[in-house]
Amino acid sequence: MLWRTLAIGIGYILDLLLGDPRRIPHPVVIMGKCITVLESHLRRALPKTPAGERLAGGLLWLVLAGISWAVPAGLLWLCQGVSPWLRLMLESIVCWQVLATRSLKRETMKVYTALKHGTIDDARHAVSMIVGRDTGSLDASGVTRAAVETVAENASDGVIAPLFFLALGGGPLGMLYKAVNTMDSMLGYIDPPYTYIGFIPAKLDDVFNYLPARLSAFLMLLAGGLMGLDRKNGWRIYRRDRRNHASPNSAQTESVCAGLLRVRLAGDAWYHGQLHKKPFIGDDLRPITPEDIPLTCRLMVVTSLLSLLVCMALRILLMII
C-alpha cells in the first residue's frame, strides 16, 4: 500500500514536469489501434443490426478493459517478484502515463498562442487538435470558448478521475479507466456509424465518471476560491446548470468553471457537419477573452493538486483500514 501511494505521487510529479513523452508510444495510442482492429473484426463477425452492433460494442469493451487491467497487473506482479523497487519504478511510469495535466495545458496553450500571435486559421487548427466539434467557422470568441470548455471538462476525465482510480486500485485500475475513457472518445457518438456500437462504451463511461465528475466539481470550486475567483457565482451556476449537457457528467466541471470565470459556455455546436442543439452553461456577465485560456489552465492545475492531496488521504485511510 505504501509503495503504491509513493508511485502515485511520483507519477503525478513526472506528468507535471514532463507531460506525454514524444518518443515513447503512449498507452492511449496503443488502445486506439486496438479499438480500431477490434471494431473492424467485430463488425464483420456479428450481424449488422442494432442488437448486433450493441453486442459488438459490449464485447469490445470487455476485451479492451480486461487487457488494459491485466497487462499492467501482470507486469507489476512479475516485478514484485524481482524487487519492490522495480515494481515502484514501473508503477510510477504507469501512473505517469495515465495522467494528462501537463499535456492538456500544453496543447491548450497552443490555442492561446495562436490567438495572440497567429491568425484565426492558426487558432482554429490548434483548437481542432483538442476538441471533437467542427472548428472551421469559429470566430476568436468561439475558439476561446471551445478551449476553455475542453480544459474544464478534461480536468475531470484527464486528471481528477484517473487520480481517483489510481488511489482505489493503483496503476492497473488507472489504466483500465484510461481504456474506458478512450473507448468513449472513439466510439461514444450518437451519429452513425457509432450510434449502436458506441452505446455500451458511452454508458459505462458515464458510470465510471459519475463520482469523479462530482468530486472534480467541488475541488474546482475550492481551487477557484483559493485563486480569488468568484466562488459564490461558481456555486450558483453549478447548482443551476450542472445538468445542462447530454452527458450526466460533462457539465459538472464546466458549470463550475463558467461560474468562476463569470462567462457563458456551451451552446449549439457543429459535429461532423451536423448542428447539435445544446443549452448554455453560465451567464454572459462579461465577454470571454483569450486570457481566460491560461486562467482556466491554472485553475485545472490547482484543482489537480487538491485532487492529489485528496487521493493521498484516501490511500492513507485505506492503509489504516
Protein backbone atom coordinates (compact mmCIF):
# COMPACT_ATOMS: atom_id res chain seq x y z
CA MET A 1 0.00 0.00 0.00
CA LEU A 2 2.79 2.43 0.90
CA TRP A 3 4.76 1.64 -2.26
CA ARG A 4 1.67 2.19 -4.42
CA THR A 5 0.95 5.51 -2.71
CA LEU A 6 4.51 6.60 -3.42
CA ALA A 7 4.13 5.52 -7.06
CA ILE A 8 1.06 7.73 -7.49
CA GLY A 9 2.94 10.73 -6.12
CA ILE A 10 5.96 10.09 -8.35
CA GLY A 11 3.73 9.56 -11.38
CA TYR A 12 1.93 12.85 -10.74
CA ILE A 13 5.23 14.75 -10.46
CA LEU A 14 6.55 13.13 -13.66
CA ASP A 15 3.39 14.12 -15.52
CA LEU A 16 3.56 17.68 -14.20
CA LEU A 17 7.22 18.03 -15.19
CA LEU A 18 7.36 16.05 -18.45
CA GLY A 19 3.87 15.51 -19.82
CA ASP A 20 3.42 12.88 -22.50
CA PRO A 21 6.80 11.72 -23.84
CA ARG A 22 7.10 12.25 -27.59
CA ARG A 23 9.37 9.29 -28.35
CA ILE A 24 7.67 6.64 -26.22
CA PRO A 25 4.45 5.02 -27.54
CA HIS A 26 1.64 6.25 -25.32
CA PRO A 27 -0.84 3.65 -23.97
CA VAL A 28 -3.75 5.65 -25.41
CA VAL A 29 -2.26 5.34 -28.91
CA ILE A 30 -1.93 1.57 -28.44
CA MET A 31 -5.50 1.41 -27.09
CA GLY A 32 -6.73 3.38 -30.09
CA LYS A 33 -5.14 0.93 -32.52
CA CYS A 34 -6.63 -2.00 -30.60
CA ILE A 35 -10.08 -0.39 -30.72
CA THR A 36 -9.81 0.09 -34.48
CA VAL A 37 -8.80 -3.54 -35.04
CA LEU A 38 -11.43 -4.95 -32.67
CA GLU A 39 -14.16 -2.76 -34.14
CA SER A 40 -13.35 -3.92 -37.66
CA HIS A 41 -13.33 -7.63 -36.73
CA LEU A 42 -16.47 -7.46 -34.59
CA ARG A 43 -18.44 -5.55 -37.20
CA ARG A 44 -17.65 -8.28 -39.75
CA ALA A 45 -18.32 -11.15 -37.35
CA LEU A 46 -21.65 -10.00 -35.90
CA PRO A 47 -24.98 -9.13 -37.56
CA LYS A 48 -25.26 -5.59 -38.91
CA THR A 49 -28.31 -4.84 -36.79
CA PRO A 50 -28.74 -2.51 -33.79
CA ALA A 51 -28.62 -5.51 -31.43
CA GLY A 52 -25.59 -6.99 -33.18
CA GLU A 53 -23.68 -3.70 -33.08
CA ARG A 54 -24.51 -3.17 -29.41
CA LEU A 55 -23.20 -6.68 -28.71
CA ALA A 56 -20.05 -5.80 -30.64
CA GLY A 57 -19.61 -2.69 -28.51
CA GLY A 58 -20.05 -4.69 -25.33
CA LEU A 59 -17.56 -7.37 -26.37
CA LEU A 60 -15.06 -4.73 -27.47
CA TRP A 61 -15.40 -3.03 -24.08
CA LEU A 62 -14.84 -6.29 -22.16
CA VAL A 63 -11.79 -7.28 -24.19
CA LEU A 64 -10.01 -3.92 -24.07
CA ALA A 65 -10.88 -3.19 -20.44
CA GLY A 66 -9.69 -6.66 -19.43
CA ILE A 67 -6.41 -6.36 -21.32
CA SER A 68 -5.80 -2.82 -20.01
CA TRP A 69 -6.09 -4.05 -16.42
CA ALA A 70 -4.42 -7.46 -16.82
CA VAL A 71 -1.24 -6.35 -18.63
CA PRO A 72 -0.03 -3.81 -16.03
CA ALA A 73 -1.23 -6.05 -13.18
CA GLY A 74 0.77 -8.99 -14.54
CA LEU A 75 3.89 -6.92 -15.17
CA LEU A 76 3.73 -5.42 -11.68
CA TRP A 77 3.34 -8.89 -10.17
CA LEU A 78 6.42 -10.08 -12.04
CA CYS A 79 8.40 -7.01 -10.96
CA GLN A 80 7.40 -7.54 -7.33
CA GLY A 81 8.96 -10.99 -7.52
CA VAL A 82 12.27 -9.41 -8.52
CA SER A 83 12.34 -6.28 -6.35
CA PRO A 84 9.83 -3.88 -4.80
CA TRP A 85 11.99 -1.07 -6.18
CA LEU A 86 11.49 -2.39 -9.71
CA ARG A 87 7.76 -2.54 -9.11
CA LEU A 88 7.81 1.04 -7.77
CA MET A 89 9.60 2.23 -10.90
CA LEU A 90 7.16 0.51 -13.25
CA GLU A 91 4.03 1.57 -11.36
CA SER A 92 5.28 5.16 -11.23
CA ILE A 93 5.63 5.08 -15.01
CA VAL A 94 2.12 3.62 -15.37
CA CYS A 95 0.67 6.35 -13.14
CA TRP A 96 2.55 8.97 -15.17
CA GLN A 97 1.08 7.63 -18.41
CA VAL A 98 -2.46 7.63 -17.03
CA LEU A 99 -2.38 11.34 -16.12
CA ALA A 100 -2.62 14.25 -18.57
CA THR A 101 -2.19 17.50 -16.63
CA ARG A 102 0.81 18.93 -18.47
CA SER A 103 -0.18 17.69 -21.92
CA LEU A 104 -3.68 19.17 -21.57
CA LYS A 105 -2.21 22.51 -20.54
CA ARG A 106 0.45 22.42 -23.27
CA GLU A 107 -1.96 21.66 -26.12
CA THR A 108 -4.48 24.22 -24.90
CA MET A 109 -1.88 26.95 -24.57
CA LYS A 110 -1.09 26.42 -28.27
CA VAL A 111 -4.59 27.79 -28.92
CA TYR A 112 -3.82 30.82 -26.75
CA THR A 113 -0.53 31.43 -28.59
CA ALA A 114 -2.28 31.21 -31.96
CA LEU A 115 -4.96 33.67 -30.86
CA LYS A 116 -2.40 36.15 -29.57
CA HIS A 117 0.30 35.88 -32.21
CA GLY A 118 -1.15 33.98 -35.19
CA THR A 119 -4.15 34.09 -37.50
CA ILE A 120 -7.68 32.91 -36.84
CA ASP A 121 -6.97 29.91 -39.09
CA ASP A 122 -4.00 29.04 -36.88
CA ALA A 123 -6.25 29.23 -33.83
CA ARG A 124 -8.95 27.11 -35.47
CA HIS A 125 -6.37 24.46 -36.34
CA ALA A 126 -4.90 24.47 -32.83
CA VAL A 127 -8.28 24.05 -31.17
CA SER A 128 -9.28 21.32 -33.64
CA MET A 129 -6.49 19.21 -32.12
CA ILE A 130 -8.20 19.14 -28.71
CA VAL A 131 -11.95 19.23 -29.48
CA GLY A 132 -14.32 16.98 -31.40
CA ARG A 133 -16.52 19.71 -32.88
CA ASP A 134 -16.15 21.34 -36.28
CA THR A 135 -13.95 24.42 -35.94
CA GLY A 136 -13.80 25.83 -39.48
CA SER A 137 -16.34 28.61 -38.87
CA LEU A 138 -15.44 29.59 -35.29
CA ASP A 139 -14.50 33.19 -34.58
CA ALA A 140 -11.96 34.16 -31.89
CA SER A 141 -14.58 34.01 -29.12
CA GLY A 142 -15.77 30.61 -30.34
CA VAL A 143 -12.23 29.26 -30.40
CA THR A 144 -11.59 30.58 -26.89
CA ARG A 145 -14.84 29.15 -25.60
CA ALA A 146 -14.07 25.73 -27.10
CA ALA A 147 -10.61 25.70 -25.48
CA VAL A 148 -11.95 26.73 -22.06
CA GLU A 149 -14.71 24.11 -22.23
CA THR A 150 -12.18 21.41 -23.13
CA VAL A 151 -9.93 22.22 -20.18
CA ALA A 152 -12.90 22.41 -17.81
CA GLU A 153 -14.30 19.05 -18.93
CA ASN A 154 -10.98 17.24 -19.24
CA ALA A 155 -9.84 18.41 -15.82
CA SER A 156 -12.19 15.67 -14.65
CA ASP A 157 -11.63 12.76 -17.04
CA GLY A 158 -7.99 13.58 -17.82
CA VAL A 159 -6.69 14.35 -14.33
CA ILE A 160 -9.01 14.01 -11.33
CA ALA A 161 -10.82 10.81 -12.37
CA PRO A 162 -7.54 8.98 -13.18
CA LEU A 163 -6.15 10.02 -9.78
CA PHE A 164 -9.35 8.73 -8.17
CA PHE A 165 -8.97 5.29 -9.75
CA LEU A 166 -5.23 5.22 -9.10
CA ALA A 167 -6.00 5.83 -5.43
CA LEU A 168 -8.51 2.95 -5.41
CA GLY A 169 -6.56 0.35 -7.36
CA GLY A 170 -3.16 1.64 -8.38
CA GLY A 171 -1.74 1.50 -11.90
CA PRO A 172 -3.89 -1.38 -13.22
CA LEU A 173 -7.20 0.27 -12.28
CA GLY A 174 -5.94 3.62 -13.54
CA MET A 175 -5.06 2.04 -16.89
CA LEU A 176 -8.47 0.35 -17.05
CA TYR A 177 -10.09 3.75 -16.56
CA LYS A 178 -7.95 5.18 -19.35
CA ALA A 179 -9.25 2.44 -21.65
CA VAL A 180 -12.86 3.23 -20.65
CA ASN A 181 -12.31 6.90 -21.43
CA THR A 182 -10.56 6.15 -24.75
CA MET A 183 -13.37 3.85 -25.90
CA ASP A 184 -15.91 6.57 -25.18
CA SER A 185 -13.81 9.15 -27.06
CA MET A 186 -13.54 6.96 -30.14
CA LEU A 187 -16.93 5.22 -30.17
CA GLY A 188 -19.32 7.19 -27.95
CA TYR A 189 -21.09 9.22 -30.66
CA ILE A 190 -24.82 9.40 -31.29
CA ASP A 191 -24.28 9.74 -35.06
CA PRO A 192 -23.72 6.82 -37.46
CA PRO A 193 -21.70 4.64 -37.72
CA TYR A 194 -21.23 4.69 -33.93
CA THR A 195 -24.85 5.02 -32.79
CA TYR A 196 -25.15 1.41 -31.66
CA ILE A 197 -21.61 0.06 -31.33
CA GLY A 198 -20.74 3.01 -29.09
CA PHE A 199 -23.81 2.67 -26.87
CA ILE A 200 -22.31 0.43 -24.17
CA PRO A 201 -18.88 2.16 -24.09
CA ALA A 202 -20.61 5.54 -23.70
CA LYS A 203 -22.93 4.36 -20.92
CA LEU A 204 -20.14 2.64 -18.98
CA ASP A 205 -18.01 5.77 -19.30
CA ASP A 206 -20.89 7.66 -17.66
CA VAL A 207 -20.93 5.12 -14.83
CA PHE A 208 -17.18 5.25 -14.24
CA ASN A 209 -17.15 9.06 -14.25
CA TYR A 210 -20.22 9.65 -12.11
CA LEU A 211 -18.47 10.06 -8.74
CA PRO A 212 -15.18 11.54 -10.04
CA ALA A 213 -17.01 14.24 -12.02
CA ARG A 214 -18.82 15.45 -8.91
CA LEU A 215 -15.66 15.29 -6.83
CA SER A 216 -13.91 17.28 -9.56
CA ALA A 217 -16.59 19.96 -9.46
CA PHE A 218 -16.22 20.53 -5.72
CA LEU A 219 -12.42 20.50 -5.91
CA MET A 220 -12.52 23.02 -8.77
CA LEU A 221 -14.84 25.21 -6.74
CA LEU A 222 -12.37 25.07 -3.85
CA ALA A 223 -9.47 25.79 -6.21
CA GLY A 224 -11.30 28.79 -7.64
CA GLY A 225 -11.83 30.16 -4.15
CA LEU A 226 -8.12 29.78 -3.38
CA MET A 227 -7.31 31.64 -6.61
CA GLY A 228 -9.60 34.54 -5.77
CA LEU A 229 -12.19 33.77 -8.45
CA ASP A 230 -15.94 34.25 -7.98
CA ARG A 231 -16.64 31.24 -5.77
CA LYS A 232 -20.23 32.31 -4.97
CA ASN A 233 -21.11 32.60 -8.63
CA GLY A 234 -19.35 29.29 -9.29
CA TRP A 235 -21.57 27.60 -6.72
CA ARG A 236 -24.70 29.32 -8.10
CA ILE A 237 -24.04 28.29 -11.68
CA TYR A 238 -23.08 24.77 -10.61
CA ARG A 239 -26.40 24.25 -8.83
CA ARG A 240 -28.35 25.69 -11.76
CA ASP A 241 -26.51 24.36 -14.84
CA ARG A 242 -24.74 21.15 -13.80
CA ARG A 243 -27.30 19.11 -15.75
CA ASN A 244 -27.19 21.24 -18.93
CA HIS A 245 -25.50 18.56 -21.00
CA ALA A 246 -26.46 15.31 -22.70
CA SER A 247 -23.86 13.57 -20.52
CA PRO A 248 -24.67 13.37 -16.79
CA ASN A 249 -21.04 14.25 -16.02
CA SER A 250 -19.66 16.76 -18.53
CA ALA A 251 -21.44 19.85 -17.20
CA GLN A 252 -20.30 19.26 -13.62
CA THR A 253 -16.92 20.97 -14.02
CA GLU A 254 -17.98 23.11 -16.99
CA SER A 255 -20.68 24.78 -14.88
CA VAL A 256 -18.23 25.46 -12.04
CA CYS A 257 -15.66 26.91 -14.46
CA ALA A 258 -18.26 29.11 -16.20
CA GLY A 259 -19.42 30.45 -12.85
CA LEU A 260 -15.92 31.09 -11.51
CA LEU A 261 -14.94 32.94 -14.70
CA ARG A 262 -18.33 34.73 -14.98
CA VAL A 263 -18.68 33.72 -18.65
CA ARG A 264 -21.13 31.70 -20.71
CA LEU A 265 -20.02 28.36 -22.18
CA ALA A 266 -21.54 25.57 -24.30
CA GLY A 267 -24.48 26.31 -26.63
CA ASP A 268 -25.06 24.94 -30.12
CA ALA A 269 -22.12 23.31 -31.91
CA TRP A 270 -21.43 21.53 -35.20
CA TYR A 271 -20.15 17.94 -35.22
CA HIS A 272 -19.29 16.15 -38.47
CA GLY A 273 -21.36 18.65 -40.44
CA GLN A 274 -24.46 18.35 -38.25
CA LEU A 275 -25.74 21.03 -35.88
CA HIS A 276 -26.28 19.83 -32.31
CA LYS A 277 -28.58 22.00 -30.20
CA LYS A 278 -27.18 22.44 -26.69
CA PRO A 279 -28.18 24.61 -23.73
CA PHE A 280 -25.88 27.32 -22.48
CA ILE A 281 -23.88 26.93 -19.28
CA GLY A 282 -23.25 30.03 -17.19
CA ASP A 283 -24.26 33.68 -17.58
CA ASP A 284 -22.77 36.15 -20.02
CA LEU A 285 -21.65 38.53 -17.26
CA ARG A 286 -18.58 39.52 -19.27
CA PRO A 287 -17.19 38.65 -22.72
CA ILE A 288 -14.86 35.70 -22.87
CA THR A 289 -11.28 36.62 -23.86
CA PRO A 290 -8.12 34.70 -24.81
CA GLU A 291 -6.73 35.42 -21.33
CA ASP A 292 -9.36 33.04 -19.97
CA ILE A 293 -7.42 30.15 -21.52
CA PRO A 294 -4.28 30.42 -19.31
CA LEU A 295 -6.53 31.27 -16.36
CA THR A 296 -8.53 28.06 -16.89
CA CYS A 297 -5.28 26.09 -17.24
CA ARG A 298 -4.08 27.44 -13.88
CA LEU A 299 -7.45 26.53 -12.38
CA MET A 300 -7.05 22.99 -13.72
CA VAL A 301 -3.55 22.63 -12.24
CA VAL A 302 -4.62 23.88 -8.80
CA THR A 303 -7.60 21.51 -8.92
CA SER A 304 -5.27 18.63 -9.77
CA LEU A 305 -3.04 19.45 -6.80
CA LEU A 306 -6.04 19.42 -4.48
CA SER A 307 -7.11 16.13 -6.04
CA LEU A 308 -3.68 14.64 -5.38
CA LEU A 309 -3.98 15.61 -1.70
CA VAL A 310 -7.43 14.00 -1.50
CA CYS A 311 -6.19 10.83 -3.20
CA MET A 312 -3.19 10.60 -0.87
CA ALA A 313 -5.56 10.99 2.09
CA LEU A 314 -7.72 8.20 0.64
CA ARG A 315 -4.65 5.96 0.28
CA ILE A 316 -3.66 6.62 3.91
CA LEU A 317 -7.23 5.82 5.00
CA LEU A 318 -7.12 2.54 3.07
CA MET A 319 -3.79 1.66 4.73
CA ILE A 320 -5.26 2.31 8.18
CA ILE A 321 -8.34 0.24 7.46
